[in-house]
Amino acid sequence: MEKKKYVDFDKVITTYKTFGHLNLHNALEAFNEIPAADVRPTTHGKWKEIKTGLGLFDYQFECSMCHGWTPNKAYVIAPDFCPNCGADMRGINE
């Protein structure tokens, strides 16, 4: 099985507009010259709120993907992502 190559769609369109009039062989060579895009798989999760009764940290928020927790979403540098596993927490369920 051939390794997949992910490319920027805008670069494909630009290449097609530039080389689309050429024969198929030349067009395929031009497409193969497009550099791979910088991509990686993304996992999606959601925060589960857990009441602790510990005063300032009255709630913990547990990641549905790694079950790691953070004391309070307000104290997390990037609340849209789990600080433990990096899961995207922006409203898309797992």
Protein backbone atom coordinates (compact mmCIF):
# COMPACT_ATOMS: atom_id res chain seq x y z
CA MET A 1 0.00 0.00 0.00
CA GLU A 2 1.31 3.42 -0.95
CA LYS A 3 1.92 5.96 1.83
CA LYS A 4 -0.67 8.77 1.90
CA LYS A 5 0.45 12.31 1.24
CA TYR A 6 -1.67 15.18 2.48
CA VAL A 7 -1.36 18.43 0.55
CA ASP A 8 -2.69 21.97 0.77
CA PHE A 9 -5.78 22.09 -1.46
CA ASP A 10 -5.02 25.66 -2.58
CA LYS A 11 -1.64 24.47 -3.89
CA VAL A 12 -3.40 21.70 -5.85
CA ILE A 13 -5.76 24.23 -7.45
CA THR A 14 -2.87 26.57 -8.30
CA THR A 15 -0.91 23.67 -9.81
CA TYR A 16 -3.95 22.56 -11.82
CA LYS A 17 -4.53 26.07 -13.16
CA THR A 18 -0.85 26.32 -14.09
CA PHE A 19 -0.32 22.84 -15.53
CA GLY A 20 -3.84 21.57 -16.24
CA HIS A 21 -3.50 22.22 -19.95
CA LEU A 22 -0.55 19.81 -20.16
CA ASN A 23 -0.92 16.14 -20.85
CA LEU A 24 -1.83 13.83 -17.96
CA HIS A 25 1.74 12.61 -17.44
CA ASN A 26 3.10 16.15 -17.01
CA ALA A 27 0.19 17.17 -14.78
CA LEU A 28 0.77 14.16 -12.48
CA GLU A 29 4.46 15.03 -12.25
CA ALA A 30 3.52 18.59 -11.27
CA PHE A 31 1.13 17.29 -8.59
CA ASN A 32 3.85 15.03 -7.18
CA GLU A 33 6.07 18.10 -6.70
CA ILE A 34 3.57 19.71 -4.30
CA PRO A 35 5.09 19.48 -0.80
CA ALA A 36 3.28 17.53 1.90
CA ALA A 37 1.10 19.61 4.21
CA ASP A 38 1.87 19.83 7.92
CA VAL A 39 -0.92 17.66 9.38
CA ARG A 40 -1.42 15.25 12.26
CA PRO A 41 -4.37 13.23 13.57
CA THR A 42 -6.65 15.03 15.99
CA THR A 43 -8.56 13.48 18.87
CA HIS A 44 -11.70 15.14 20.18
CA GLY A 45 -12.92 14.94 23.73
CA LYS A 46 -15.02 16.81 26.22
CA TRP A 47 -14.59 18.04 29.76
CA LYS A 48 -16.47 16.18 32.48
CA GLU A 49 -17.15 18.43 35.47
CA ILE A 50 -16.61 16.80 38.88
CA LYS A 51 -17.56 18.63 42.10
CA THR A 52 -14.84 18.20 44.76
CA GLY A 53 -15.89 20.59 47.55
CA LEU A 54 -12.29 21.81 47.98
CA GLY A 55 -12.98 25.56 48.12
CA LEU A 56 -10.95 27.38 45.44
CA PHE A 57 -10.72 24.18 43.42
CA ASP A 58 -14.38 23.29 43.96
CA TYR A 59 -14.55 21.57 40.60
CA GLN A 60 -12.20 19.35 38.65
CA PHE A 61 -12.51 18.86 34.93
CA GLU A 62 -11.70 15.39 33.63
CA CYS A 63 -10.75 14.72 30.01
CA SER A 64 -12.96 12.11 28.35
CA MET A 65 -10.00 10.84 26.31
CA CYS A 66 -7.14 10.37 28.80
CA HIS A 67 -9.04 10.80 32.10
CA GLY A 68 -6.42 13.32 33.16
CA TRP A 69 -7.79 16.27 35.04
CA THR A 70 -7.24 19.94 35.61
CA PRO A 71 -8.40 21.80 38.74
CA ASN A 72 -10.41 24.41 36.88
CA LYS A 73 -10.73 25.24 33.19
CA ALA A 74 -10.11 28.92 33.99
CA TYR A 75 -6.55 28.07 35.13
CA VAL A 76 -5.63 26.08 32.03
CA ILE A 77 -3.50 27.98 29.51
CA ALA A 78 -5.45 26.59 26.53
CA PRO A 79 -8.88 25.47 27.80
CA ASP A 80 -9.87 24.33 24.31
CA PHE A 81 -7.29 21.53 24.57
CA CYS A 82 -6.48 19.00 27.30
CA PRO A 83 -3.13 19.91 28.88
CA ASN A 84 -2.42 16.21 29.48
CA CYS A 85 -3.07 14.57 26.09
CA GLY A 86 -3.74 17.51 23.74
CA ALA A 87 -7.28 16.43 22.81
CA ASP A 88 -9.38 19.10 21.12
CA MET A 89 -12.13 20.07 23.58
CA ARG A 90 -13.97 22.63 21.44
CA GLY A 91 -17.39 21.03 21.52
CA ILE A 92 -16.97 18.00 19.27
CA ASN A 93 -17.78 14.82 21.12
CA GLU A 94 -15.43 11.86 20.93
